[in-house]
Structure formats: C-alpha cells, structure tokens
Amino acid sequence: MKPYNQVLFDQKLKISDEFAPSECIVVYPGDCLELLRTIPDQMLQLIVTSPPYNIGKEYEKKLHLDLYLREQAQVIAECVRALSPRGSICWQVGNYVDRGAIIPLDTVLYPVFSGLGLRMRNRIVWHFEHGLHCSRRFSGRYETIMWFTKSDEYVFNLDPVRVPQKYPGKKYFKGPKAGQYSCNPLGKNPGDLWVIPNVKSNHVEKTEHPCQFPVELIERLVLSLTNEGDWVLDPFLGTGTTVIAAIRRGRRGVGAETVARYAHLARQRIQQEIEGTLRTRPMDRPVYDPVEAGNSLTAAPWKKETGQIALLERSPEYGKKPER
C-alpha cells in the first residue's frame, strides 16, 4: 500500500535526519527540544507521543516527579508553539509509581496543557488485555490519551475511523422515518474507550523496545485529526510508529529519538514501510477471542472444588430466557 509515493510526494521518499519544510520524513537522532527549535511556528497539524513515564526504564533516568513535570512542560510549550491553530496534541500516558503507589500522569500533566491555553476534547482510554501481573493491587490494563486542541476550529474527520455498528439492521419503529435504517451505513463513532491489543511477546510488530505502541492506535489519530500532506510530530519517537502511521496515510512524519539503537531501528522500520514490507496488525482486524477460536488452552485443567463459578466462565444458566 504505497499510494503516497505517486500521489502526495513528487520525489522518491527518503528519510532525513534534519527538519526542513520540503522534507517528507525526518528521524532526528537527538533531543526533541533541539529538533523543535528548527520547526517554524504553527507548522505541525498533529503532535502525538508516548513520553517516558519516569518509572526507570532503560532509556530514561528516573526523576523526582516535580522535575519530570518541569521537563515535560518545556517540551509541551515548544510543541504548542509549533502547532497549527487547527491542530491537535495527543499525549498518551500511564502511571508514575512511587513506592508502590500510583499517580496517573494525565491528572498531573493536565494543568500544563490547560495553562498553555489548550482545550481538552477527549480523555481516551486505551484498553488492552496483556501486561505485568500485580500481586498487591489490580493489574493495570489501560493507559490514557489526552487529546487537546489549540482552538475551537480544529480538524476532526470522523468517517475514516468509524467502526462497525452493533445492530446494523436496526430500523426506526415510529415517526416519519419508520421502517428506515437508523444506523449510519459507514459505521459508528468509536467512542472514547479503544480496545486495541498492545505490543507484547507474540505481536507481529514486536521489537526490542520495551514500551512500543501499535501502529493502528496512531493510525486512528492520524486519520481523524489530520488531512493528507499535514505534518505529524512525535517528540519521543521510539521505534518510529508515529512516522509509520503518518506516511502510511499520506501525511508527513517527523520525530526525535535520543537512544541511538532505537533511532536506527525506527529508520529500518520506516524504510520497510516505504518499501511495503513492514508487517503490522490491520486496523480492521477484530481482537482475538480464544474461546470463539476454539483454543484448547481456555479449558481449565484443574477441578472445581469450591463450587464457585469462575468469573470468566459461563454459568449453565447463562443464555436462558427469563421466566415470566
């Protein structure tokens, strides 16, 4: 799938390591503040990223929360300067952990964005089913995407990201439209709870990066919040997912990455996308259901000795029509 090669960009796609308005793809091997200083005011349509969560991963130095927030505020302020009046910022975050207690990063970062005059349009919950198992609290299975706009006149394209209707055959039963289908034939609004598999061990997109997010998550944001030819920035690029999603959908992509091997990996993956060889999980693929798939591992090997029905097992009574 490479329509952008012929339609959007006149030149052969190449990956540059420095920003210029004439470029299409930029992977800057360095600090995002250095990159942002080279980007003119109001140049970017979408800024989407998953910044370090300050939990001590190999690519980050764990900081006191106040210092972490100050560093984030610096980056966010530069992003706002470079953002188009009709543009959006999507900051995807999880939790900061302090001696076993969690602090949701979206709650402490919100004042930074609002203090810069941005308006929150959605707090999108990204739900996934796999991750670390906790023993002293419930295991974390979601992160949040804070979507802010710079003004009330912003780009929002709903049709490209609609999802299948739950009841596509539903009709109006009364009124002037009685008998007509009541659903939008293009699908429904996906809402603010997105169920998308995260990139774990057997995910087709898995690389050595410990906190990689899936291409389809960013594709949904790119399609809905930008138009073809727009610039999309990821200040913490990682393995290049944001740029991949951008160029796949006919946009221009730019990002910065300080870790040399991740910047190299991002360039490799982006090059594979240009060549049409990068393997990713399709946006329209349903989430795998092991029970429906008849996976044998869904049958518990141990006996039920307590008589209590496991929460994930269906009771024999399930599905029976209630007596009247």
C-alpha atoms as a PDB file:
ATOM      1  CA  MET A   1       0.000   0.000   0.000  1.00  0.00           C
ATOM      2  CA  LYS A   2       2.049   2.970  -1.235  1.00  0.00           C
ATOM      3  CA  PRO A   3      -0.277   5.480  -2.911  1.00  0.00           C
ATOM      4  CA  TYR A   4       1.553   8.386  -1.301  1.00  0.00           C
ATOM      5  CA  ASN A   5       4.652   7.637  -3.416  1.00  0.00           C
ATOM      6  CA  GLN A   6       2.856   8.713  -6.579  1.00  0.00           C
ATOM      7  CA  VAL A   7       0.082  10.990  -5.345  1.00  0.00           C
ATOM      8  CA  LEU A   8       1.371  13.080  -2.456  1.00  0.00           C
ATOM      9  CA  PHE A   9       5.129  13.268  -2.849  1.00  0.00           C
ATOM     10  CA  ASP A  10       6.803  14.105  -6.134  1.00  0.00           C
ATOM     11  CA  GLN A  11      10.243  12.928  -5.083  1.00  0.00           C
ATOM     12  CA  LYS A  12      11.360   9.444  -4.089  1.00  0.00           C
ATOM     13  CA  LEU A  13      10.695   9.026  -0.371  1.00  0.00           C
ATOM     14  CA  LYS A  14      13.808   9.303   1.755  1.00  0.00           C
ATOM     15  CA  ILE A  15      14.492   9.618   5.454  1.00  0.00           C
ATOM     16  CA  SER A  16      16.212  12.832   6.524  1.00  0.00           C
ATOM     17  CA  ASP A  17      17.897  13.435   9.883  1.00  0.00           C
ATOM     18  CA  GLU A  18      17.188  17.187   9.901  1.00  0.00           C
ATOM     19  CA  PHE A  19      13.890  19.045   9.600  1.00  0.00           C
ATOM     20  CA  ALA A  20      13.045  21.174   6.588  1.00  0.00           C
ATOM     21  CA  PRO A  21       9.561  22.098   5.294  1.00  0.00           C
ATOM     22  CA  SER A  22      10.447  20.454   1.970  1.00  0.00           C
ATOM     23  CA  GLU A  23      11.122  17.052   3.566  1.00  0.00           C
ATOM     24  CA  CYS A  24       8.541  14.287   3.994  1.00  0.00           C
ATOM     25  CA  ILE A  25      10.153  12.022   6.604  1.00  0.00           C
ATOM     26  CA  VAL A  26      12.510  13.115   9.384  1.00  0.00           C
ATOM     27  CA  VAL A  27      14.140  10.997  12.106  1.00  0.00           C
ATOM     28  CA  TYR A  28      16.227  13.323  14.258  1.00  0.00           C
ATOM     29  CA  PRO A  29      18.889  11.433  16.263  1.00  0.00           C
ATOM     30  CA  GLY A  30      18.889  13.635  19.335  1.00  0.00           C
ATOM     31  CA  ASP A  31      16.878  15.599  21.881  1.00  0.00           C
ATOM     32  CA  CYS A  32      13.375  16.673  20.853  1.00  0.00           C
ATOM     33  CA  LEU A  33      13.903  20.252  22.089  1.00  0.00           C
ATOM     34  CA  GLU A  34      16.771  20.614  19.618  1.00  0.00           C
ATOM     35  CA  LEU A  35      14.500  19.324  16.845  1.00  0.00           C
ATOM     36  CA  LEU A  36      11.576  21.538  17.844  1.00  0.00           C
ATOM     37  CA  ARG A  37      13.737  24.671  17.686  1.00  0.00           C
ATOM     38  CA  THR A  38      14.227  24.010  13.963  1.00  0.00           C
ATOM     39  CA  ILE A  39      10.486  23.745  13.258  1.00  0.00           C
ATOM     40  CA  PRO A  40       8.712  27.024  12.351  1.00  0.00           C
ATOM     41  CA  ASP A  41       5.719  28.334  14.315  1.00  0.00           C
ATOM     42  CA  GLN A  42       2.364  26.699  13.544  1.00  0.00           C
ATOM     43  CA  MET A  43       3.910  24.153  11.135  1.00  0.00           C
ATOM     44  CA  LEU A  44       2.533  20.959  12.711  1.00  0.00           C
ATOM     45  CA  GLN A  45      -1.027  19.649  12.458  1.00  0.00           C
ATOM     46  CA  LEU A  46      -0.739  16.764  14.930  1.00  0.00           C
ATOM     47  CA  ILE A  47       1.652  16.026  17.775  1.00  0.00           C
ATOM     48  CA  VAL A  48       1.210  12.543  19.159  1.00  0.00           C
ATOM     49  CA  THR A  49       3.540  10.748  21.518  1.00  0.00           C
ATOM     50  CA  SER A  50       4.004   8.404  24.429  1.00  0.00           C
ATOM     51  CA  PRO A  51       6.652  10.139  26.552  1.00  0.00           C
ATOM     52  CA  PRO A  52       8.797   8.349  29.144  1.00  0.00           C
ATOM     53  CA  TYR A  53       6.644   7.578  32.197  1.00  0.00           C
ATOM     54  CA  ASN A  54       9.504   8.222  34.651  1.00  0.00           C
ATOM     55  CA  ILE A  55       9.412   4.675  36.035  1.00  0.00           C
ATOM     56  CA  GLY A  56      13.057   3.817  35.491  1.00  0.00           C
ATOM     57  CA  LYS A  57      13.033   2.128  32.076  1.00  0.00           C
ATOM     58  CA  GLU A  58      16.425   1.587  30.463  1.00  0.00           C
ATOM     59  CA  TYR A  59      16.058   4.628  28.191  1.00  0.00           C
ATOM     60  CA  GLU A  60      15.150   7.078  30.969  1.00  0.00           C
ATOM     61  CA  LYS A  61      16.591   8.345  34.239  1.00  0.00           C
ATOM     62  CA  LYS A  62      14.011   8.315  36.998  1.00  0.00           C
ATOM     63  CA  LEU A  63      13.463  11.856  38.231  1.00  0.00           C
ATOM     64  CA  HIS A  64      11.597  13.391  41.131  1.00  0.00           C
ATOM     65  CA  LEU A  65       8.051  13.963  39.884  1.00  0.00           C
ATOM     66  CA  ASP A  66       8.327  17.759  40.090  1.00  0.00           C
ATOM     67  CA  LEU A  67      11.466  17.787  37.934  1.00  0.00           C
ATOM     68  CA  TYR A  68       9.873  15.333  35.480  1.00  0.00           C
ATOM     69  CA  LEU A  69       6.851  17.616  35.119  1.00  0.00           C
ATOM     70  CA  ARG A  70       9.077  20.654  34.540  1.00  0.00           C
ATOM     71  CA  GLU A  71      10.934  18.827  31.776  1.00  0.00           C
ATOM     72  CA  GLN A  72       7.666  17.712  30.196  1.00  0.00           C
ATOM     73  CA  ALA A  73       6.300  21.271  30.418  1.00  0.00           C
ATOM     74  CA  GLN A  74       9.317  22.531  28.471  1.00  0.00           C
ATOM     75  CA  VAL A  75       8.663  20.106  25.642  1.00  0.00           C
ATOM     76  CA  ILE A  76       4.910  20.717  25.643  1.00  0.00           C
ATOM     77  CA  ALA A  77       5.390  24.509  25.449  1.00  0.00           C
ATOM     78  CA  GLU A  78       7.600  24.119  22.364  1.00  0.00           C
ATOM     79  CA  CYS A  79       5.052  21.744  20.835  1.00  0.00           C
ATOM     80  CA  VAL A  80       2.279  24.300  21.322  1.00  0.00           C
ATOM     81  CA  ARG A  81       4.389  26.970  19.617  1.00  0.00           C
ATOM     82  CA  ALA A  82       4.890  24.746  16.580  1.00  0.00           C
ATOM     83  CA  LEU A  83       1.255  23.595  16.459  1.00  0.00           C
ATOM     84  CA  SER A  84      -1.178  24.839  13.812  1.00  0.00           C
ATOM     85  CA  PRO A  85      -4.203  26.843  15.070  1.00  0.00           C
ATOM     86  CA  ARG A  86      -6.375  23.934  13.810  1.00  0.00           C
ATOM     87  CA  GLY A  87      -4.025  21.301  15.215  1.00  0.00           C
ATOM     88  CA  SER A  88      -4.173  18.710  17.977  1.00  0.00           C
ATOM     89  CA  ILE A  89      -1.872  17.293  20.638  1.00  0.00           C
ATOM     90  CA  CYS A  90      -2.371  13.704  21.820  1.00  0.00           C
ATOM     91  CA  TRP A  91      -0.274  12.793  24.887  1.00  0.00           C
ATOM     92  CA  GLN A  92      -0.516   9.069  25.672  1.00  0.00           C
ATOM     93  CA  VAL A  93       0.488   8.246  29.253  1.00  0.00           C
ATOM     94  CA  GLY A  94       0.202   5.674  32.021  1.00  0.00           C
ATOM     95  CA  ASN A  95       1.047   5.859  35.718  1.00  0.00           C
ATOM     96  CA  TYR A  96       4.028   7.121  37.697  1.00  0.00           C
ATOM     97  CA  VAL A  97       4.793   4.662  40.502  1.00  0.00           C
ATOM     98  CA  ASP A  98       6.148   5.936  43.813  1.00  0.00           C
ATOM     99  CA  ARG A  99       6.911   3.295  46.470  1.00  0.00           C
ATOM    100  CA  GLY A 100       4.057   1.114  45.279  1.00  0.00           C
ATOM    101  CA  ALA A 101       1.529   3.948  44.968  1.00  0.00           C
ATOM    102  CA  ILE A 102       0.399   5.088  41.524  1.00  0.00           C
ATOM    103  CA  ILE A 103      -0.028   8.645  40.294  1.00  0.00           C
ATOM    104  CA  PRO A 104      -1.940   8.881  36.980  1.00  0.00           C
ATOM    105  CA  LEU A 105       0.253  11.055  34.798  1.00  0.00           C
ATOM    106  CA  ASP A 106      -2.693  12.515  32.879  1.00  0.00           C
ATOM    107  CA  THR A 107      -4.002  14.113  36.089  1.00  0.00           C
ATOM    108  CA  VAL A 108      -0.724  15.868  36.896  1.00  0.00           C
ATOM    109  CA  LEU A 109       0.002  16.857  33.279  1.00  0.00           C
ATOM    110  CA  TYR A 110      -3.454  18.331  32.609  1.00  0.00           C
ATOM    111  CA  PRO A 111      -2.639  21.698  34.270  1.00  0.00           C
ATOM    112  CA  VAL A 112       0.412  22.047  31.997  1.00  0.00           C
ATOM    113  CA  PHE A 113      -1.731  21.811  28.860  1.00  0.00           C
ATOM    114  CA  SER A 114      -4.607  23.933  30.164  1.00  0.00           C
ATOM    115  CA  GLY A 115      -2.130  26.544  31.407  1.00  0.00           C
ATOM    116  CA  LEU A 116      -0.919  26.914  27.815  1.00  0.00           C
ATOM    117  CA  GLY A 117      -4.457  27.605  26.625  1.00  0.00           C
ATOM    118  CA  LEU A 118      -5.205  24.176  25.157  1.00  0.00           C
ATOM    119  CA  ARG A 119      -8.698  22.677  25.321  1.00  0.00           C
ATOM    120  CA  MET A 120      -9.233  19.009  26.141  1.00  0.00           C
ATOM    121  CA  ARG A 121     -11.614  17.305  23.705  1.00  0.00           C
ATOM    122  CA  ASN A 122     -11.361  13.730  24.978  1.00  0.00           C
ATOM    123  CA  ARG A 123      -9.623  11.620  27.554  1.00  0.00           C
ATOM    124  CA  ILE A 124      -9.382   8.409  25.548  1.00  0.00           C
ATOM    125  CA  VAL A 125      -8.946   5.184  27.483  1.00  0.00           C
ATOM    126  CA  TRP A 126      -6.827   2.621  25.639  1.00  0.00           C
ATOM    127  CA  HIS A 127      -7.670  -0.846  27.000  1.00  0.00           C
ATOM    128  CA  PHE A 128      -5.508  -3.910  26.413  1.00  0.00           C
ATOM    129  CA  GLU A 129      -5.519  -7.370  27.964  1.00  0.00           C
ATOM    130  CA  HIS A 130      -1.854  -8.216  28.495  1.00  0.00           C
ATOM    131  CA  GLY A 131       0.842  -6.814  30.766  1.00  0.00           C
ATOM    132  CA  LEU A 132       2.581  -7.265  34.096  1.00  0.00           C
ATOM    133  CA  HIS A 133       0.635  -9.073  36.800  1.00  0.00           C
ATOM    134  CA  CYS A 134       0.402  -7.236  40.128  1.00  0.00           C
ATOM    135  CA  SER A 135       0.177  -9.027  43.462  1.00  0.00           C
ATOM    136  CA  ARG A 136      -0.743  -6.108  45.753  1.00  0.00           C
ATOM    137  CA  ARG A 137      -3.141  -4.189  43.515  1.00  0.00           C
ATOM    138  CA  PHE A 138      -5.245  -4.896  40.413  1.00  0.00           C
ATOM    139  CA  SER A 139      -3.123  -5.316  37.296  1.00  0.00           C
ATOM    140  CA  GLY A 140      -3.009  -2.248  35.060  1.00  0.00           C
ATOM    141  CA  ARG A 141      -4.736  -2.841  31.738  1.00  0.00           C
ATOM    142  CA  TYR A 142      -5.259   0.627  30.344  1.00  0.00           C
ATOM    143  CA  GLU A 143      -3.500   3.866  29.523  1.00  0.00           C
ATOM    144  CA  THR A 144      -4.957   7.205  28.538  1.00  0.00           C
ATOM    145  CA  ILE A 145      -4.619   9.536  25.572  1.00  0.00           C
ATOM    146  CA  MET A 146      -5.226  13.187  26.381  1.00  0.00           C
ATOM    147  CA  TRP A 147      -6.461  14.926  23.245  1.00  0.00           C
ATOM    148  CA  PHE A 148      -6.112  18.711  23.260  1.00  0.00           C
ATOM    149  CA  THR A 149      -6.753  21.299  20.547  1.00  0.00           C
ATOM    150  CA  LYS A 150      -5.300  24.762  20.169  1.00  0.00           C
ATOM    151  CA  SER A 151      -8.625  26.380  19.269  1.00  0.00           C
ATOM    152  CA  ASP A 152     -12.296  25.629  18.752  1.00  0.00           C
ATOM    153  CA  GLU A 153     -11.725  25.421  14.983  1.00  0.00           C
ATOM    154  CA  TYR A 154      -9.882  22.114  14.664  1.00  0.00           C
ATOM    155  CA  VAL A 155      -9.626  19.263  12.175  1.00  0.00           C
ATOM    156  CA  PHE A 156     -11.801  16.270  13.046  1.00  0.00           C
ATOM    157  CA  ASN A 157     -12.611  13.638  10.428  1.00  0.00           C
ATOM    158  CA  LEU A 158     -14.933  11.020  11.914  1.00  0.00           C
ATOM    159  CA  ASP A 159     -15.826   8.959   8.823  1.00  0.00           C
ATOM    160  CA  PRO A 160     -12.372   7.388   8.234  1.00  0.00           C
ATOM    161  CA  VAL A 161     -12.311   5.922  11.765  1.00  0.00           C
ATOM    162  CA  ARG A 162     -15.875   4.699  12.168  1.00  0.00           C
ATOM    163  CA  VAL A 163     -16.240   1.142  13.467  1.00  0.00           C
ATOM    164  CA  PRO A 164     -18.929  -1.489  12.671  1.00  0.00           C
ATOM    165  CA  GLN A 165     -22.383  -0.891  14.096  1.00  0.00           C
ATOM    166  CA  LYS A 166     -23.557  -3.206  16.869  1.00  0.00           C
ATOM    167  CA  TYR A 167     -27.002  -3.519  15.263  1.00  0.00           C
ATOM    168  CA  PRO A 168     -26.631  -2.501  11.588  1.00  0.00           C
ATOM    169  CA  GLY A 169     -30.086  -3.850  10.774  1.00  0.00           C
ATOM    170  CA  LYS A 170     -31.867  -1.678  13.331  1.00  0.00           C
ATOM    171  CA  LYS A 171     -34.712   0.477  11.974  1.00  0.00           C
ATOM    172  CA  TYR A 172     -36.803   3.376  13.227  1.00  0.00           C
ATOM    173  CA  PHE A 173     -40.044   1.932  14.600  1.00  0.00           C
ATOM    174  CA  LYS A 174     -42.100   5.138  14.592  1.00  0.00           C
ATOM    175  CA  GLY A 175     -42.133   8.690  13.305  1.00  0.00           C
ATOM    176  CA  PRO A 176     -41.512   9.984   9.786  1.00  0.00           C
ATOM    177  CA  LYS A 177     -38.525   7.631   9.330  1.00  0.00           C
ATOM    178  CA  ALA A 178     -40.350   4.476  10.454  1.00  0.00           C
ATOM    179  CA  GLY A 179     -39.020   1.450   8.595  1.00  0.00           C
ATOM    180  CA  GLN A 180     -35.796   3.141   7.531  1.00  0.00           C
ATOM    181  CA  TYR A 181     -32.421   2.018   8.849  1.00  0.00           C
ATOM    182  CA  SER A 182     -31.408   4.130  11.838  1.00  0.00           C
ATOM    183  CA  CYS A 183     -27.661   3.482  11.716  1.00  0.00           C
ATOM    184  CA  ASN A 184     -25.032   5.345   9.754  1.00  0.00           C
ATOM    185  CA  PRO A 185     -24.051   2.945   6.930  1.00  0.00           C
ATOM    186  CA  LEU A 186     -20.399   3.963   7.319  1.00  0.00           C
ATOM    187  CA  GLY A 187     -20.350   2.737  10.909  1.00  0.00           C
ATOM    188  CA  LYS A 188     -20.483   4.298  14.337  1.00  0.00           C
ATOM    189  CA  ASN A 189     -18.307   6.661  16.331  1.00  0.00           C
ATOM    190  CA  PRO A 190     -15.629   4.536  18.072  1.00  0.00           C
ATOM    191  CA  GLY A 191     -16.193   6.358  21.353  1.00  0.00           C
ATOM    192  CA  ASP A 192     -13.515   7.165  23.921  1.00  0.00           C
ATOM    193  CA  LEU A 193     -12.749   3.584  25.014  1.00  0.00           C
ATOM    194  CA  TRP A 194     -10.464   1.904  22.476  1.00  0.00           C
ATOM    195  CA  VAL A 195      -9.807  -1.828  22.726  1.00  0.00           C
ATOM    196  CA  ILE A 196      -6.583  -2.386  20.794  1.00  0.00           C
ATOM    197  CA  PRO A 197      -4.006  -5.114  21.592  1.00  0.00           C
ATOM    198  CA  ASN A 198      -0.751  -3.789  22.995  1.00  0.00           C
ATOM    199  CA  VAL A 199       2.593  -4.845  21.557  1.00  0.00           C
ATOM    200  CA  LYS A 200       3.710  -7.817  23.629  1.00  0.00           C
ATOM    201  CA  SER A 201       5.681 -11.033  23.013  1.00  0.00           C
ATOM    202  CA  ASN A 202       3.835 -12.564  20.040  1.00  0.00           C
ATOM    203  CA  HIS A 203       2.557  -9.319  18.486  1.00  0.00           C
ATOM    204  CA  VAL A 204       3.553  -9.060  14.819  1.00  0.00           C
ATOM    205  CA  GLU A 205       5.080  -5.608  15.411  1.00  0.00           C
ATOM    206  CA  LYS A 206       7.233  -6.532  18.452  1.00  0.00           C
ATOM    207  CA  THR A 207      10.787  -5.193  18.533  1.00  0.00           C
ATOM    208  CA  GLU A 208      13.369  -4.911  21.309  1.00  0.00           C
ATOM    209  CA  HIS A 209      11.788  -1.684  22.616  1.00  0.00           C
ATOM    210  CA  PRO A 210      10.042  -2.360  25.977  1.00  0.00           C
ATOM    211  CA  CYS A 211       7.221   0.172  25.559  1.00  0.00           C
ATOM    212  CA  GLN A 212       6.260   0.123  21.892  1.00  0.00           C
ATOM    213  CA  PHE A 213       2.743   1.115  20.914  1.00  0.00           C
ATOM    214  CA  PRO A 214       0.807  -0.379  17.960  1.00  0.00           C
ATOM    215  CA  VAL A 215       0.598   1.329  14.579  1.00  0.00           C
ATOM    216  CA  GLU A 216      -3.203   1.016  14.480  1.00  0.00           C
ATOM    217  CA  LEU A 217      -3.546   3.145  17.628  1.00  0.00           C
ATOM    218  CA  ILE A 218      -1.750   6.053  15.957  1.00  0.00           C
ATOM    219  CA  GLU A 219      -3.421   5.474  12.577  1.00  0.00           C
ATOM    220  CA  ARG A 220      -6.781   6.227  14.169  1.00  0.00           C
ATOM    221  CA  LEU A 221      -5.477   9.564  15.457  1.00  0.00           C
ATOM    222  CA  VAL A 222      -3.754  10.427  12.177  1.00  0.00           C
ATOM    223  CA  LEU A 223      -6.852   9.709  10.106  1.00  0.00           C
ATOM    224  CA  SER A 224      -9.222  11.634  12.356  1.00  0.00           C
ATOM    225  CA  LEU A 225      -7.113  14.671  13.288  1.00  0.00           C
ATOM    226  CA  THR A 226      -5.147  15.447  10.101  1.00  0.00           C
ATOM    227  CA  ASN A 227      -5.554  15.777   6.351  1.00  0.00           C
ATOM    228  CA  GLU A 228      -3.264  14.465   3.616  1.00  0.00           C
ATOM    229  CA  GLY A 229       0.037  16.273   3.395  1.00  0.00           C
ATOM    230  CA  ASP A 230      -0.069  17.522   7.017  1.00  0.00           C
ATOM    231  CA  TRP A 231       2.921  17.280   9.335  1.00  0.00           C
ATOM    232  CA  VAL A 232       2.736  14.807  12.258  1.00  0.00           C
ATOM    233  CA  LEU A 233       5.359  15.018  15.032  1.00  0.00           C
ATOM    234  CA  ASP A 234       6.397  12.546  17.712  1.00  0.00           C
ATOM    235  CA  PRO A 235       8.922  14.169  20.081  1.00  0.00           C
ATOM    236  CA  PHE A 236       9.726  10.786  21.697  1.00  0.00           C
ATOM    237  CA  LEU A 237       9.792   8.628  18.578  1.00  0.00           C
ATOM    238  CA  GLY A 238      10.966   5.258  19.914  1.00  0.00           C
ATOM    239  CA  THR A 239      10.750   2.704  17.113  1.00  0.00           C
ATOM    240  CA  GLY A 240       9.130   5.070  14.601  1.00  0.00           C
ATOM    241  CA  THR A 241       5.479   4.026  14.980  1.00  0.00           C
ATOM    242  CA  THR A 242       4.071   7.546  14.625  1.00  0.00           C
ATOM    243  CA  VAL A 243       6.006   8.309  11.453  1.00  0.00           C
ATOM    244  CA  ILE A 244       4.984   4.925  10.020  1.00  0.00           C
ATOM    245  CA  ALA A 245       1.299   5.672  10.666  1.00  0.00           C
ATOM    246  CA  ALA A 246       1.687   9.154   9.168  1.00  0.00           C
ATOM    247  CA  ILE A 247       3.321   8.193   5.873  1.00  0.00           C
ATOM    248  CA  ARG A 248       1.041   5.177   5.505  1.00  0.00           C
ATOM    249  CA  ARG A 249      -1.873   7.591   5.413  1.00  0.00           C
ATOM    250  CA  GLY A 250      -0.281  10.178   3.116  1.00  0.00           C
ATOM    251  CA  ARG A 251       0.967  12.564   5.786  1.00  0.00           C
ATOM    252  CA  ARG A 252       4.467  13.817   6.554  1.00  0.00           C
ATOM    253  CA  GLY A 253       6.193  12.444   9.652  1.00  0.00           C
ATOM    254  CA  VAL A 254       8.902  13.809  11.943  1.00  0.00           C
ATOM    255  CA  GLY A 255      10.291  12.552  15.227  1.00  0.00           C
ATOM    256  CA  ALA A 256      13.248  12.696  17.609  1.00  0.00           C
ATOM    257  CA  GLU A 257      14.921   9.813  19.429  1.00  0.00           C
ATOM    258  CA  THR A 258      17.897  10.101  21.793  1.00  0.00           C
ATOM    259  CA  VAL A 259      18.754   6.388  22.031  1.00  0.00           C
ATOM    260  CA  ALA A 260      20.910   5.572  19.013  1.00  0.00           C
ATOM    261  CA  ARG A 261      19.800   1.961  18.562  1.00  0.00           C
ATOM    262  CA  TYR A 262      16.122   2.923  18.699  1.00  0.00           C
ATOM    263  CA  ALA A 263      16.668   5.720  16.171  1.00  0.00           C
ATOM    264  CA  HIS A 264      18.377   3.159  13.924  1.00  0.00           C
ATOM    265  CA  LEU A 265      15.507   0.714  14.445  1.00  0.00           C
ATOM    266  CA  ALA A 266      12.975   3.464  13.628  1.00  0.00           C
ATOM    267  CA  ARG A 267      14.750   4.203  10.354  1.00  0.00           C
ATOM    268  CA  GLN A 268      14.749   0.479   9.485  1.00  0.00           C
ATOM    269  CA  ARG A 269      11.024   0.115  10.164  1.00  0.00           C
ATOM    270  CA  ILE A 270      10.150   3.312   8.285  1.00  0.00           C
ATOM    271  CA  GLN A 271      12.195   2.122   5.310  1.00  0.00           C
ATOM    272  CA  GLN A 272      10.281  -1.174   5.381  1.00  0.00           C
ATOM    273  CA  GLU A 273       7.031   0.814   5.367  1.00  0.00           C
ATOM    274  CA  ILE A 274       8.218   2.785   2.339  1.00  0.00           C
ATOM    275  CA  GLU A 275       9.040  -0.478   0.572  1.00  0.00           C
ATOM    276  CA  GLY A 276       5.721  -2.047   1.596  1.00  0.00           C
ATOM    277  CA  THR A 277       7.322  -4.879   3.581  1.00  0.00           C
ATOM    278  CA  LEU A 278       6.598  -3.811   7.170  1.00  0.00           C
ATOM    279  CA  ARG A 279       4.276  -6.247   8.956  1.00  0.00           C
ATOM    280  CA  THR A 280       1.651  -4.627  11.158  1.00  0.00           C
ATOM    281  CA  ARG A 281      -1.689  -5.567  12.674  1.00  0.00           C
ATOM    282  CA  PRO A 282      -4.505  -4.256  10.405  1.00  0.00           C
ATOM    283  CA  MET A 283      -6.823  -1.605  11.820  1.00  0.00           C
ATOM    284  CA  ASP A 284      -9.954  -3.573  10.906  1.00  0.00           C
ATOM    285  CA  ARG A 285      -8.917  -6.899  12.461  1.00  0.00           C
ATOM    286  CA  PRO A 286     -11.155  -7.910  15.418  1.00  0.00           C
ATOM    287  CA  VAL A 287      -9.480  -8.544  18.764  1.00  0.00           C
ATOM    288  CA  TYR A 288      -8.643 -12.245  19.078  1.00  0.00           C
ATOM    289  CA  ASP A 289     -11.170 -14.196  21.174  1.00  0.00           C
ATOM    290  CA  PRO A 290      -9.601 -17.521  22.271  1.00  0.00           C
ATOM    291  CA  VAL A 291     -12.968 -19.059  23.219  1.00  0.00           C
ATOM    292  CA  GLU A 292     -14.561 -18.296  19.850  1.00  0.00           C
ATOM    293  CA  ALA A 293     -11.387 -19.538  18.148  1.00  0.00           C
ATOM    294  CA  GLY A 294     -11.681 -22.877  19.974  1.00  0.00           C
ATOM    295  CA  ASN A 295      -8.284 -22.515  21.649  1.00  0.00           C
ATOM    296  CA  SER A 296      -7.748 -25.620  23.814  1.00  0.00           C
ATOM    297  CA  LEU A 297      -5.906 -23.594  26.451  1.00  0.00           C
ATOM    298  CA  THR A 298      -9.191 -21.986  27.518  1.00  0.00           C
ATOM    299  CA  ALA A 299     -10.259 -25.225  29.265  1.00  0.00           C
ATOM    300  CA  ALA A 300      -9.123 -25.165  32.900  1.00  0.00           C
ATOM    301  CA  PRO A 301      -7.103 -28.324  33.785  1.00  0.00           C
ATOM    302  CA  TRP A 302      -7.916 -28.256  37.492  1.00  0.00           C
ATOM    303  CA  LYS A 303     -11.075 -29.410  39.224  1.00  0.00           C
ATOM    304  CA  LYS A 304     -13.516 -27.023  40.805  1.00  0.00           C
ATOM    305  CA  GLU A 305     -13.535 -27.934  44.460  1.00  0.00           C
ATOM    306  CA  THR A 306     -15.261 -24.912  45.916  1.00  0.00           C
ATOM    307  CA  GLY A 307     -18.348 -24.966  43.713  1.00  0.00           C
ATOM    308  CA  GLN A 308     -17.811 -21.281  42.922  1.00  0.00           C
ATOM    309  CA  ILE A 309     -18.111 -20.442  39.235  1.00  0.00           C
ATOM    310  CA  ALA A 310     -15.075 -18.597  37.936  1.00  0.00           C
ATOM    311  CA  LEU A 311     -15.837 -15.059  36.832  1.00  0.00           C
ATOM    312  CA  LEU A 312     -14.767 -15.765  33.262  1.00  0.00           C
ATOM    313  CA  GLU A 313     -16.755 -18.981  32.879  1.00  0.00           C
ATOM    314  CA  ARG A 314     -20.330 -19.009  31.709  1.00  0.00           C
ATOM    315  CA  SER A 315     -22.885 -20.447  34.027  1.00  0.00           C
ATOM    316  CA  PRO A 316     -25.099 -23.224  32.570  1.00  0.00           C
ATOM    317  CA  GLU A 317     -27.970 -20.828  33.234  1.00  0.00           C
ATOM    318  CA  TYR A 318     -26.415 -18.154  31.052  1.00  0.00           C
ATOM    319  CA  GLY A 319     -28.355 -17.584  27.896  1.00  0.00           C
ATOM    320  CA  LYS A 320     -31.682 -18.985  29.129  1.00  0.00           C
ATOM    321  CA  LYS A 321     -34.688 -16.786  28.666  1.00  0.00           C
ATOM    322  CA  PRO A 322     -36.067 -15.491  31.977  1.00  0.00           C
ATOM    323  CA  GLU A 323     -39.355 -16.954  33.127  1.00  0.00           C
ATOM    324  CA  ARG A 324     -42.294 -14.586  33.140  1.00  0.00           C
END
